[in-house]
Amino acid sequence: MKTNVEVIDPSGIIIKVEADFPERPDYREIAEFVRHHIGKDEEIERVRVFWDGKYTDMFVAECGKLALTTRGPLPLNPRATEIYLNNTRVHAPHLLDPDAPGIAGRAVLFDRPVWF
C-alpha cells in the first residue's frame, strides 16, 4: 500500500517520501524505515497526532531532548512540535499547556495510521 511520509528536520526542511507498506505493517518494518530517517541506533516513539483533518502516526526519537540519545540532546523541531500539539489545539484548546514538551530531532509523519 502506497503511503506518503514526511521526514521533518529541525531545520525546517521536509523530505517527502512515498513508501510501500502493507495495510498493517509490523513493528520491524516501521522501526527499520523510521530509524533510517532519524538515526539507526535511536529508540523510537510513536506519537498519535491529529493532522490535516485526521488522526495519523508520527515517530520521533524517544529521548530526543535528553542526553540519552546516541548523539546527545537533539535540537527542537518546531514543525513536528506544531503537529504534536495540534490535537489539543483543535479539540481541547483550554488544555493547551504553554510549557508542554516539544519534539526534538527528526520526526517521521505518516499520512495514515501504521501502528496497530
PDB file of N, CA and C in Angstrom:
ATOM      1  N   MET A   1       0.847  -1.168   0.000  1.00  0.00           N
ATOM      2  CA  MET A   1       0.000   0.000   0.000  1.00  0.00           C
ATOM      3  C   MET A   1       0.901   1.242   0.000  1.00  0.00           C
ATOM      4  N   LYS A   2       0.695   2.093  -0.964  1.00  0.00           N
ATOM      5  CA  LYS A   2       1.486   3.317  -1.039  1.00  0.00           C
ATOM      6  C   LYS A   2       1.133   4.222   0.143  1.00  0.00           C
ATOM      7  N   THR A   3       2.164   4.710   0.807  1.00  0.00           N
ATOM      8  CA  THR A   3       1.988   5.549   1.981  1.00  0.00           C
ATOM      9  C   THR A   3       2.879   6.772   1.825  1.00  0.00           C
ATOM     10  N   ASN A   4       2.300   7.953   1.930  1.00  0.00           N
ATOM     11  CA  ASN A   4       3.083   9.183   1.867  1.00  0.00           C
ATOM     12  C   ASN A   4       3.635   9.492   3.247  1.00  0.00           C
ATOM     13  N   VAL A   5       4.893   9.874   3.262  1.00  0.00           N
ATOM     14  CA  VAL A   5       5.603  10.124   4.512  1.00  0.00           C
ATOM     15  C   VAL A   5       6.347  11.446   4.382  1.00  0.00           C
ATOM     16  N   GLU A   6       6.362  12.204   5.466  1.00  0.00           N
ATOM     17  CA  GLU A   6       7.185  13.413   5.531  1.00  0.00           C
ATOM     18  C   GLU A   6       8.230  13.220   6.615  1.00  0.00           C
ATOM     19  N   VAL A   7       9.472  13.406   6.250  1.00  0.00           N
ATOM     20  CA  VAL A   7      10.561  13.400   7.218  1.00  0.00           C
ATOM     21  C   VAL A   7      10.824  14.872   7.523  1.00  0.00           C
ATOM     22  N   ILE A   8      10.572  15.247   8.772  1.00  0.00           N
ATOM     23  CA  ILE A   8      10.616  16.653   9.164  1.00  0.00           C
ATOM     24  C   ILE A   8      11.892  16.902   9.953  1.00  0.00           C
ATOM     25  N   ASP A   9      12.774  17.690   9.392  1.00  0.00           N
ATOM     26  CA  ASP A   9      14.051  18.012  10.021  1.00  0.00           C
ATOM     27  C   ASP A   9      13.894  19.250  10.906  1.00  0.00           C
ATOM     28  N   PRO A  10      14.629  19.321  12.015  1.00  0.00           N
ATOM     29  CA  PRO A  10      14.547  20.513  12.868  1.00  0.00           C
ATOM     30  C   PRO A  10      14.863  21.816  12.134  1.00  0.00           C
ATOM     31  N   SER A  11      15.622  21.741  11.052  1.00  0.00           N
ATOM     32  CA  SER A  11      15.975  22.933  10.283  1.00  0.00           C
ATOM     33  C   SER A  11      14.786  23.507   9.526  1.00  0.00           C
ATOM     34  N   GLY A  12      13.695  22.730   9.433  1.00  0.00           N
ATOM     35  CA  GLY A  12      12.530  23.160   8.671  1.00  0.00           C
ATOM     36  C   GLY A  12      12.419  22.463   7.328  1.00  0.00           C
ATOM     37  N   ILE A  13      13.455  21.754   6.937  1.00  0.00           N
ATOM     38  CA  ILE A  13      13.409  21.011   5.676  1.00  0.00           C
ATOM     39  C   ILE A  13      12.493  19.806   5.841  1.00  0.00           C
ATOM     40  N   ILE A  14      11.620  19.613   4.853  1.00  0.00           N
ATOM     41  CA  ILE A  14      10.717  18.471   4.843  1.00  0.00           C
ATOM     42  C   ILE A  14      11.036  17.630   3.616  1.00  0.00           C
ATOM     43  N   ILE A  15      11.342  16.369   3.855  1.00  0.00           N
ATOM     44  CA  ILE A  15      11.632  15.435   2.775  1.00  0.00           C
ATOM     45  C   ILE A  15      10.401  14.561   2.594  1.00  0.00           C
ATOM     46  N   LYS A  16       9.826  14.595   1.397  1.00  0.00           N
ATOM     47  CA  LYS A  16       8.638  13.788   1.110  1.00  0.00           C
ATOM     48  C   LYS A  16       9.069  12.474   0.474  1.00  0.00           C
ATOM     49  N   VAL A  17       8.528  11.396   1.035  1.00  0.00           N
ATOM     50  CA  VAL A  17       8.886  10.051   0.603  1.00  0.00           C
ATOM     51  C   VAL A  17       7.601   9.273   0.360  1.00  0.00           C
ATOM     52  N   GLU A  18       7.587   8.457  -0.680  1.00  0.00           N
ATOM     53  CA  GLU A  18       6.480   7.528  -0.869  1.00  0.00           C
ATOM     54  C   GLU A  18       7.019   6.144  -0.534  1.00  0.00           C
ATOM     55  N   ALA A  19       6.413   5.505   0.453  1.00  0.00           N
ATOM     56  CA  ALA A  19       6.855   4.186   0.902  1.00  0.00           C
ATOM     57  C   ALA A  19       5.778   3.162   0.579  1.00  0.00           C
ATOM     58  N   ASP A  20       6.185   1.927   0.424  1.00  0.00           N
ATOM     59  CA  ASP A  20       5.242   0.849   0.159  1.00  0.00           C
ATOM     60  C   ASP A  20       5.211  -0.058   1.389  1.00  0.00           C
ATOM     61  N   PHE A  21       4.118   0.029   2.146  1.00  0.00           N
ATOM     62  CA  PHE A  21       3.930  -0.769   3.355  1.00  0.00           C
ATOM     63  C   PHE A  21       2.675  -1.617   3.192  1.00  0.00           C
ATOM     64  N   PRO A  22       2.617  -2.755   3.880  1.00  0.00           N
ATOM     65  CA  PRO A  22       1.336  -3.469   3.934  1.00  0.00           C
ATOM     66  C   PRO A  22       0.301  -2.601   4.644  1.00  0.00           C
ATOM     67  N   GLU A  23      -0.959  -2.963   4.528  1.00  0.00           N
ATOM     68  CA  GLU A  23      -2.004  -2.192   5.193  1.00  0.00           C
ATOM     69  C   GLU A  23      -1.750  -2.117   6.697  1.00  0.00           C
ATOM     70  N   ARG A  24      -1.257  -3.199   7.283  1.00  0.00           N
ATOM     71  CA  ARG A  24      -0.941  -3.244   8.708  1.00  0.00           C
ATOM     72  C   ARG A  24       0.507  -3.698   8.871  1.00  0.00           C
ATOM     73  N   PRO A  25       1.463  -2.794   8.693  1.00  0.00           N
ATOM     74  CA  PRO A  25       2.868  -3.182   8.797  1.00  0.00           C
ATOM     75  C   PRO A  25       3.214  -3.654  10.210  1.00  0.00           C
ATOM     76  N   ASP A  26       4.234  -4.508  10.308  1.00  0.00           N
ATOM     77  CA  ASP A  26       4.653  -4.947  11.635  1.00  0.00           C
ATOM     78  C   ASP A  26       5.712  -3.983  12.185  1.00  0.00           C
ATOM     79  N   TYR A  27       5.992  -4.124  13.464  1.00  0.00           N
ATOM     80  CA  TYR A  27       6.919  -3.215  14.145  1.00  0.00           C
ATOM     81  C   TYR A  27       8.279  -3.161  13.448  1.00  0.00           C
ATOM     82  N   ARG A  28       8.787  -4.304  13.045  1.00  0.00           N
ATOM     83  CA  ARG A  28      10.109  -4.361  12.405  1.00  0.00           C
ATOM     84  C   ARG A  28      10.155  -3.484  11.158  1.00  0.00           C
ATOM     85  N   GLU A  29       9.126  -3.553  10.327  1.00  0.00           N
ATOM     86  CA  GLU A  29       9.086  -2.752   9.099  1.00  0.00           C
ATOM     87  C   GLU A  29       9.066  -1.260   9.413  1.00  0.00           C
ATOM     88  N   ILE A  30       8.231  -0.894  10.367  1.00  0.00           N
ATOM     89  CA  ILE A  30       8.132   0.515  10.740  1.00  0.00           C
ATOM     90  C   ILE A  30       9.442   1.001  11.347  1.00  0.00           C
ATOM     91  N   ALA A  31       9.962   0.249  12.310  1.00  0.00           N
ATOM     92  CA  ALA A  31      11.186   0.653  13.009  1.00  0.00           C
ATOM     93  C   ALA A  31      12.358   0.802  12.042  1.00  0.00           C
ATOM     94  N   GLU A  32      12.494  -0.128  11.123  1.00  0.00           N
ATOM     95  CA  GLU A  32      13.592  -0.055  10.151  1.00  0.00           C
ATOM     96  C   GLU A  32      13.476   1.207   9.299  1.00  0.00           C
ATOM     97  N   PHE A  33      12.284   1.489   8.823  1.00  0.00           N
ATOM     98  CA  PHE A  33      12.059   2.673   7.997  1.00  0.00           C
ATOM     99  C   PHE A  33      12.322   3.954   8.790  1.00  0.00           C
ATOM    100  N   VAL A  34      11.745   4.052   9.985  1.00  0.00           N
ATOM    101  CA  VAL A  34      11.884   5.259  10.801  1.00  0.00           C
ATOM    102  C   VAL A  34      13.335   5.474  11.199  1.00  0.00           C
ATOM    103  N   ARG A  35      14.008   4.430  11.660  1.00  0.00           N
ATOM    104  CA  ARG A  35      15.419   4.573  12.085  1.00  0.00           C
ATOM    105  C   ARG A  35      16.322   4.991  10.927  1.00  0.00           C
ATOM    106  N   HIS A  36      15.966   4.577   9.727  1.00  0.00           N
ATOM    107  CA  HIS A  36      16.743   5.007   8.559  1.00  0.00           C
ATOM    108  C   HIS A  36      16.730   6.535   8.446  1.00  0.00           C
ATOM    109  N   HIS A  37      15.645   7.145   8.901  1.00  0.00           N
ATOM    110  CA  HIS A  37      15.497   8.593   8.765  1.00  0.00           C
ATOM    111  C   HIS A  37      15.850   9.390  10.017  1.00  0.00           C
ATOM    112  N   ILE A  38      15.801   8.784  11.204  1.00  0.00           N
ATOM    113  CA  ILE A  38      16.106   9.563  12.408  1.00  0.00           C
ATOM    114  C   ILE A  38      17.388   9.136  13.105  1.00  0.00           C
ATOM    115  N   GLY A  39      17.929   8.004  12.739  1.00  0.00           N
ATOM    116  CA  GLY A  39      19.166   7.514  13.348  1.00  0.00           C
ATOM    117  C   GLY A  39      19.041   6.031  13.627  1.00  0.00           C
ATOM    118  N   LYS A  40      19.962   5.256  13.088  1.00  0.00           N
ATOM    119  CA  LYS A  40      19.817   3.804  13.134  1.00  0.00           C
ATOM    120  C   LYS A  40      19.862   3.224  14.540  1.00  0.00           C
ATOM    121  N   ASP A  41      20.458   3.936  15.481  1.00  0.00           N
ATOM    122  CA  ASP A  41      20.570   3.413  16.837  1.00  0.00           C
ATOM    123  C   ASP A  41      19.566   4.025  17.806  1.00  0.00           C
ATOM    124  N   GLU A  42      18.697   4.875  17.313  1.00  0.00           N
ATOM    125  CA  GLU A  42      17.754   5.560  18.198  1.00  0.00           C
ATOM    126  C   GLU A  42      16.581   4.655  18.579  1.00  0.00           C
ATOM    127  N   GLU A  43      16.163   4.776  19.823  1.00  0.00           N
ATOM    128  CA  GLU A  43      14.893   4.181  20.234  1.00  0.00           C
ATOM    129  C   GLU A  43      13.810   5.111  19.712  1.00  0.00           C
ATOM    130  N   ILE A  44      12.756   4.541  19.174  1.00  0.00           N
ATOM    131  CA  ILE A  44      11.720   5.374  18.573  1.00  0.00           C
ATOM    132  C   ILE A  44      10.449   5.349  19.421  1.00  0.00           C
ATOM    133  N   GLU A  45       9.682   6.402  19.269  1.00  0.00           N
ATOM    134  CA  GLU A  45       8.413   6.526  19.979  1.00  0.00           C
ATOM    135  C   GLU A  45       7.345   6.941  18.987  1.00  0.00           C
ATOM    136  N   ARG A  46       6.196   6.277  19.053  1.00  0.00           N
ATOM    137  CA  ARG A  46       5.071   6.641  18.209  1.00  0.00           C
ATOM    138  C   ARG A  46       4.253   7.716  18.930  1.00  0.00           C
ATOM    139  N   VAL A  47       3.864   8.729  18.179  1.00  0.00           N
ATOM    140  CA  VAL A  47       3.016   9.781  18.689  1.00  0.00           C
ATOM    141  C   VAL A  47       1.780   9.831  17.785  1.00  0.00           C
ATOM    142  N   ARG A  48       0.615   9.557  18.359  1.00  0.00           N
ATOM    143  CA  ARG A  48      -0.627   9.665  17.578  1.00  0.00           C
ATOM    144  C   ARG A  48      -0.952  11.147  17.482  1.00  0.00           C
ATOM    145  N   VAL A  49      -1.130  11.618  16.254  1.00  0.00           N
ATOM    146  CA  VAL A  49      -1.375  13.044  16.044  1.00  0.00           C
ATOM    147  C   VAL A  49      -2.639  13.252  15.213  1.00  0.00           C
ATOM    148  N   PHE A  50      -3.227  14.425  15.378  1.00  0.00           N
ATOM    149  CA  PHE A  50      -4.357  14.841  14.549  1.00  0.00           C
ATOM    150  C   PHE A  50      -3.814  15.907  13.614  1.00  0.00           C
ATOM    151  N   TRP A  51      -3.700  15.565  12.331  1.00  0.00           N
ATOM    152  CA  TRP A  51      -3.088  16.486  11.384  1.00  0.00           C
ATOM    153  C   TRP A  51      -3.792  16.375  10.043  1.00  0.00           C
ATOM    154  N   ASP A  52      -3.968  17.472   9.412  1.00  0.00           N
ATOM    155  CA  ASP A  52      -4.621  17.520   8.101  1.00  0.00           C
ATOM    156  C   ASP A  52      -6.021  16.908   8.176  1.00  0.00           C
ATOM    157  N   GLY A  53      -6.704  17.155   9.303  1.00  0.00           N
ATOM    158  CA  GLY A  53      -8.085  16.734   9.464  1.00  0.00           C
ATOM    159  C   GLY A  53      -8.299  15.273   9.824  1.00  0.00           C
ATOM    160  N   LYS A  54      -7.209  14.559  10.190  1.00  0.00           N
ATOM    161  CA  LYS A  54      -7.375  13.136  10.530  1.00  0.00           C
ATOM    162  C   LYS A  54      -6.304  12.708  11.523  1.00  0.00           C
ATOM    163  N   TYR A  55      -6.575  11.607  12.203  1.00  0.00           N
ATOM    164  CA  TYR A  55      -5.575  11.028  13.090  1.00  0.00           C
ATOM    165  C   TYR A  55      -4.609  10.183  12.279  1.00  0.00           C
ATOM    166  N   THR A  56      -3.349  10.285  12.629  1.00  0.00           N
ATOM    167  CA  THR A  56      -2.315   9.532  11.940  1.00  0.00           C
ATOM    168  C   THR A  56      -1.152   9.295  12.899  1.00  0.00           C
ATOM    169  N   ASP A  57      -0.063   8.751  12.405  1.00  0.00           N
ATOM    170  CA  ASP A  57       1.082   8.417  13.248  1.00  0.00           C
ATOM    171  C   ASP A  57       2.313   9.228  12.880  1.00  0.00           C
ATOM    172  N   MET A  58       3.012   9.653  13.908  1.00  0.00           N
ATOM    173  CA  MET A  58       4.309  10.314  13.753  1.00  0.00           C
ATOM    174  C   MET A  58       5.271   9.577  14.683  1.00  0.00           C
ATOM    175  N   PHE A  59       6.494   9.394  14.246  1.00  0.00           N
ATOM    176  CA  PHE A  59       7.510   8.729  15.058  1.00  0.00           C
ATOM    177  C   PHE A  59       8.667   9.686  15.287  1.00  0.00           C
ATOM    178  N   VAL A  60       9.202   9.642  16.504  1.00  0.00           N
ATOM    179  CA  VAL A  60      10.284  10.539  16.908  1.00  0.00           C
ATOM    180  C   VAL A  60      11.304   9.745  17.717  1.00  0.00           C
ATOM    181  N   ALA A  61      12.462  10.360  17.973  1.00  0.00           N
ATOM    182  CA  ALA A  61      13.447   9.755  18.870  1.00  0.00           C
ATOM    183  C   ALA A  61      12.868   9.786  20.278  1.00  0.00           C
ATOM    184  N   GLU A  62      12.888   8.655  20.948  1.00  0.00           N
ATOM    185  CA  GLU A  62      12.231   8.533  22.248  1.00  0.00           C
ATOM    186  C   GLU A  62      12.757   9.540  23.271  1.00  0.00           C
ATOM    187  N   CYS A  63      14.031   9.772  23.295  1.00  0.00           N
ATOM    188  CA  CYS A  63      14.630  10.680  24.295  1.00  0.00           C
ATOM    189  C   CYS A  63      15.301  11.852  23.609  1.00  0.00           C
ATOM    190  N   GLY A  64      14.652  12.395  22.603  1.00  0.00           N
ATOM    191  CA  GLY A  64      15.245  13.419  21.762  1.00  0.00           C
ATOM    192  C   GLY A  64      15.835  14.625  22.463  1.00  0.00           C
ATOM    193  N   LYS A  65      15.186  15.125  23.517  1.00  0.00           N
ATOM    194  CA  LYS A  65      15.690  16.340  24.171  1.00  0.00           C
ATOM    195  C   LYS A  65      16.649  16.031  25.317  1.00  0.00           C
ATOM    196  N   LEU A  66      16.797  14.758  25.618  1.00  0.00           N
ATOM    197  CA  LEU A  66      17.672  14.384  26.717  1.00  0.00           C
ATOM    198  C   LEU A  66      19.034  13.974  26.188  1.00  0.00           C
ATOM    199  N   ALA A  67      19.998  13.915  27.047  1.00  0.00           N
ATOM    200  CA  ALA A  67      21.343  13.497  26.649  1.00  0.00           C
ATOM    201  C   ALA A  67      21.424  11.981  26.498  1.00  0.00           C
ATOM    202  N   LEU A  68      20.272  11.305  26.495  1.00  0.00           N
ATOM    203  CA  LEU A  68      20.263   9.853  26.408  1.00  0.00           C
ATOM    204  C   LEU A  68      20.316   9.343  24.976  1.00  0.00           C
ATOM    205  N   THR A  69      20.209  10.221  23.990  1.00  0.00           N
ATOM    206  CA  THR A  69      20.284   9.770  22.607  1.00  0.00           C
ATOM    207  C   THR A  69      21.732   9.439  22.285  1.00  0.00           C
ATOM    208  N   THR A  70      21.923   8.712  21.204  1.00  0.00           N
ATOM    209  CA  THR A  70      23.278   8.332  20.811  1.00  0.00           C
ATOM    210  C   THR A  70      24.118   9.548  20.422  1.00  0.00           C
ATOM    211  N   ARG A  71      23.461  10.661  20.091  1.00  0.00           N
ATOM    212  CA  ARG A  71      24.193  11.863  19.665  1.00  0.00           C
ATOM    213  C   ARG A  71      24.088  12.995  20.673  1.00  0.00           C
ATOM    214  N   GLY A  72      23.562  12.715  21.863  1.00  0.00           N
ATOM    215  CA  GLY A  72      23.357  13.777  22.837  1.00  0.00           C
ATOM    216  C   GLY A  72      22.019  14.443  22.577  1.00  0.00           C
ATOM    217  N   PRO A  73      21.732  15.561  23.259  1.00  0.00           N
ATOM    218  CA  PRO A  73      20.443  16.230  23.070  1.00  0.00           C
ATOM    219  C   PRO A  73      20.252  16.660  21.615  1.00  0.00           C
ATOM    220  N   LEU A  74      19.049  16.521  21.139  1.00  0.00           N
ATOM    221  CA  LEU A  74      18.747  16.896  19.763  1.00  0.00           C
ATOM    222  C   LEU A  74      18.064  18.263  19.746  1.00  0.00           C
ATOM    223  N   PRO A  75      18.185  19.000  18.643  1.00  0.00           N
ATOM    224  CA  PRO A  75      17.566  20.328  18.568  1.00  0.00           C
ATOM    225  C   PRO A  75      16.048  20.253  18.501  1.00  0.00           C
ATOM    226  N   LEU A  76      15.403  21.271  19.032  1.00  0.00           N
ATOM    227  CA  LEU A  76      13.947  21.370  18.980  1.00  0.00           C
ATOM    228  C   LEU A  76      13.491  21.400  17.518  1.00  0.00           C
ATOM    229  N   ASN A  77      12.395  20.714  17.251  1.00  0.00           N
ATOM    230  CA  ASN A  77      11.824  20.656  15.907  1.00  0.00           C
ATOM    231  C   ASN A  77      10.480  21.400  15.937  1.00  0.00           C
ATOM    232  N   PRO A  78      10.477  22.686  15.564  1.00  0.00           N
ATOM    233  CA  PRO A  78       9.245  23.481  15.658  1.00  0.00           C
ATOM    234  C   PRO A  78       8.073  22.917  14.854  1.00  0.00           C
ATOM    235  N   ARG A  79       8.301  22.437  13.654  1.00  0.00           N
ATOM    236  CA  ARG A  79       7.207  21.919  12.814  1.00  0.00           C
ATOM    237  C   ARG A  79       6.620  20.644  13.428  1.00  0.00           C
ATOM    238  N   ALA A  80       7.462  19.734  13.874  1.00  0.00           N
ATOM    239  CA  ALA A  80       6.977  18.496  14.496  1.00  0.00           C
ATOM    240  C   ALA A  80       6.245  18.811  15.798  1.00  0.00           C
ATOM    241  N   THR A  81       6.720  19.804  16.537  1.00  0.00           N
ATOM    242  CA  THR A  81       6.044  20.208  17.773  1.00  0.00           C
ATOM    243  C   THR A  81       4.662  20.769  17.459  1.00  0.00           C
ATOM    244  N   GLU A  82       4.549  21.578  16.410  1.00  0.00           N
ATOM    245  CA  GLU A  82       3.255  22.116  15.981  1.00  0.00           C
ATOM    246  C   GLU A  82       2.282  20.980  15.667  1.00  0.00           C
ATOM    247  N   ILE A  83       2.760  19.968  14.953  1.00  0.00           N
ATOM    248  CA  ILE A  83       1.916  18.826  14.600  1.00  0.00           C
ATOM    249  C   ILE A  83       1.522  18.062  15.864  1.00  0.00           C
ATOM    250  N   TYR A  84       2.473  17.864  16.751  1.00  0.00           N
ATOM    251  CA  TYR A  84       2.236  17.154  18.014  1.00  0.00           C
ATOM    252  C   TYR A  84       1.157  17.842  18.853  1.00  0.00           C
ATOM    253  N   LEU A  85       1.191  19.163  18.926  1.00  0.00           N
ATOM    254  CA  LEU A  85       0.251  19.912  19.758  1.00  0.00           C
ATOM    255  C   LEU A  85      -1.089  20.200  19.072  1.00  0.00           C
ATOM    256  N   ASN A  86      -1.196  19.903  17.787  1.00  0.00           N
ATOM    257  CA  ASN A  86      -2.393  20.255  17.039  1.00  0.00           C
ATOM    258  C   ASN A  86      -3.660  19.587  17.562  1.00  0.00           C
ATOM    259  N   ASN A  87      -3.593  18.346  18.011  1.00  0.00           N
ATOM    260  CA  ASN A  87      -4.779  17.666  18.512  1.00  0.00           C
ATOM    261  C   ASN A  87      -5.400  18.449  19.669  1.00  0.00           C
ATOM    262  N   THR A  88      -4.572  18.873  20.602  1.00  0.00           N
ATOM    263  CA  THR A  88      -5.063  19.653  21.734  1.00  0.00           C
ATOM    264  C   THR A  88      -5.568  21.007  21.258  1.00  0.00           C
ATOM    265  N   ARG A  89      -4.842  21.629  20.357  1.00  0.00           N
ATOM    266  CA  ARG A  89      -5.234  22.946  19.847  1.00  0.00           C
ATOM    267  C   ARG A  89      -6.607  22.895  19.194  1.00  0.00           C
ATOM    268  N   VAL A  90      -6.893  21.815  18.458  1.00  0.00           N
ATOM    269  CA  VAL A  90      -8.164  21.686  17.737  1.00  0.00           C
ATOM    270  C   VAL A  90      -9.291  21.202  18.642  1.00  0.00           C
ATOM    271  N   HIS A  91      -9.034  20.191  19.452  1.00  0.00           N
ATOM    272  CA  HIS A  91     -10.106  19.528  20.198  1.00  0.00           C
ATOM    273  C   HIS A  91     -10.256  19.979  21.652  1.00  0.00           C
ATOM    274  N   ALA A  92      -9.220  20.520  22.241  1.00  0.00           N
ATOM    275  CA  ALA A  92      -9.318  20.933  23.651  1.00  0.00           C
ATOM    276  C   ALA A  92      -8.356  22.090  23.924  1.00  0.00           C
ATOM    277  N   PRO A  93      -8.564  23.225  23.258  1.00  0.00           N
ATOM    278  CA  PRO A  93      -7.613  24.327  23.406  1.00  0.00           C
ATOM    279  C   PRO A  93      -7.445  24.800  24.846  1.00  0.00           C
ATOM    280  N   HIS A  94      -8.446  24.612  25.665  1.00  0.00           N
ATOM    281  CA  HIS A  94      -8.349  25.018  27.071  1.00  0.00           C
ATOM    282  C   HIS A  94      -7.318  24.173  27.834  1.00  0.00           C
ATOM    283  N   LEU A  95      -6.932  23.033  27.281  1.00  0.00           N
ATOM    284  CA  LEU A  95      -5.928  22.176  27.923  1.00  0.00           C
ATOM    285  C   LEU A  95      -4.512  22.419  27.387  1.00  0.00           C
ATOM    286  N   LEU A  96      -4.375  23.295  26.412  1.00  0.00           N
ATOM    287  CA  LEU A  96      -3.058  23.548  25.820  1.00  0.00           C
ATOM    288  C   LEU A  96      -2.124  24.120  26.866  1.00  0.00           C
ATOM    289  N   ASP A  97      -1.031  23.451  27.087  1.00  0.00           N
ATOM    290  CA  ASP A  97      -0.043  23.824  28.095  1.00  0.00           C
ATOM    291  C   ASP A  97       1.111  24.554  27.418  1.00  0.00           C
ATOM    292  N   PRO A  98       1.333  25.828  27.751  1.00  0.00           N
ATOM    293  CA  PRO A  98       2.433  26.560  27.120  1.00  0.00           C
ATOM    294  C   PRO A  98       3.800  25.969  27.468  1.00  0.00           C
ATOM    295  N   ASP A  99       3.856  25.160  28.511  1.00  0.00           N
ATOM    296  CA  ASP A  99       5.118  24.527  28.895  1.00  0.00           C
ATOM    297  C   ASP A  99       5.193  23.071  28.447  1.00  0.00           C
ATOM    298  N   ALA A 100       4.298  22.665  27.554  1.00  0.00           N
ATOM    299  CA  ALA A 100       4.315  21.287  27.058  1.00  0.00           C
ATOM    300  C   ALA A 100       5.656  21.010  26.379  1.00  0.00           C
ATOM    301  N   PRO A 101       6.181  19.810  26.551  1.00  0.00           N
ATOM    302  CA  PRO A 101       7.462  19.494  25.920  1.00  0.00           C
ATOM    303  C   PRO A 101       7.340  19.490  24.402  1.00  0.00           C
ATOM    304  N   GLY A 102       8.395  19.887  23.758  1.00  0.00           N
ATOM    305  CA  GLY A 102       8.412  19.893  22.304  1.00  0.00           C
ATOM    306  C   GLY A 102       9.027  18.614  21.763  1.00  0.00           C
ATOM    307  N   ILE A 103       8.960  18.466  20.472  1.00  0.00           N
ATOM    308  CA  ILE A 103       9.587  17.346  19.780  1.00  0.00           C
ATOM    309  C   ILE A 103      10.991  17.781  19.388  1.00  0.00           C
ATOM    310  N   ALA A 104      11.955  16.926  19.625  1.00  0.00           N
ATOM    311  CA  ALA A 104      13.344  17.233  19.280  1.00  0.00           C
ATOM    312  C   ALA A 104      13.845  16.230  18.243  1.00  0.00           C
ATOM    313  N   GLY A 105      14.737  16.688  17.399  1.00  0.00           N
ATOM    314  CA  GLY A 105      15.295  15.828  16.365  1.00  0.00           C
ATOM    315  C   GLY A 105      14.327  15.666  15.207  1.00  0.00           C
ATOM    316  N   ARG A 106      14.671  14.758  14.325  1.00  0.00           N
ATOM    317  CA  ARG A 106      13.824  14.496  13.161  1.00  0.00           C
ATOM    318  C   ARG A 106      12.551  13.775  13.577  1.00  0.00           C
ATOM    319  N   ALA A 107      11.505  14.004  12.810  1.00  0.00           N
ATOM    320  CA  ALA A 107      10.235  13.308  13.005  1.00  0.00           C
ATOM    321  C   ALA A 107       9.819  12.707  11.672  1.00  0.00           C
ATOM    322  N   VAL A 108       9.135  11.581  11.749  1.00  0.00           N
ATOM    323  CA  VAL A 108       8.646  10.899  10.551  1.00  0.00           C
ATOM    324  C   VAL A 108       7.122  10.832  10.657  1.00  0.00           C
ATOM    325  N   LEU A 109       6.446  11.580   9.782  1.00  0.00           N
ATOM    326  CA  LEU A 109       4.990  11.705   9.792  1.00  0.00           C
ATOM    327  C   LEU A 109       4.393  10.893   8.648  1.00  0.00           C
ATOM    328  N   PHE A 110       3.544   9.942   8.999  1.00  0.00           N
ATOM    329  CA  PHE A 110       2.851   9.116   8.005  1.00  0.00           C
ATOM    330  C   PHE A 110       1.500   9.743   7.679  1.00  0.00           C
ATOM    331  N   ASP A 111       1.024   9.542   6.470  1.00  0.00           N
ATOM    332  CA  ASP A 111      -0.270  10.119   6.077  1.00  0.00           C
ATOM    333  C   ASP A 111      -1.450   9.241   6.490  1.00  0.00           C
ATOM    334  N   ARG A 112      -1.156   8.154   7.188  1.00  0.00           N
ATOM    335  CA  ARG A 112      -2.193   7.247   7.675  1.00  0.00           C
ATOM    336  C   ARG A 112      -1.684   6.528   8.905  1.00  0.00           C
ATOM    337  N   PRO A 113      -2.594   5.976   9.697  1.00  0.00           N
ATOM    338  CA  PRO A 113      -2.138   5.169  10.823  1.00  0.00           C
ATOM    339  C   PRO A 113      -1.383   3.933  10.328  1.00  0.00           C
ATOM    340  N   VAL A 114      -0.262   3.643  10.952  1.00  0.00           N
ATOM    341  CA  VAL A 114       0.517   2.450  10.588  1.00  0.00           C
ATOM    342  C   VAL A 114       0.813   1.593  11.820  1.00  0.00           C
ATOM    343  N   TRP A 115       0.453   2.089  12.989  1.00  0.00           N
ATOM    344  CA  TRP A 115       0.725   1.379  14.238  1.00  0.00           C
ATOM    345  C   TRP A 115      -0.592   0.871  14.807  1.00  0.00           C
ATOM    346  N   PHE A 116      -0.723  -0.447  14.928  1.00  0.00           N
ATOM    347  CA  PHE A 116      -1.991  -1.029  15.370  1.00  0.00           C
ATOM    348  C   PHE A 116      -1.776  -1.898  16.592  1.00  0.00           C
TER     349      PHE A 116
END
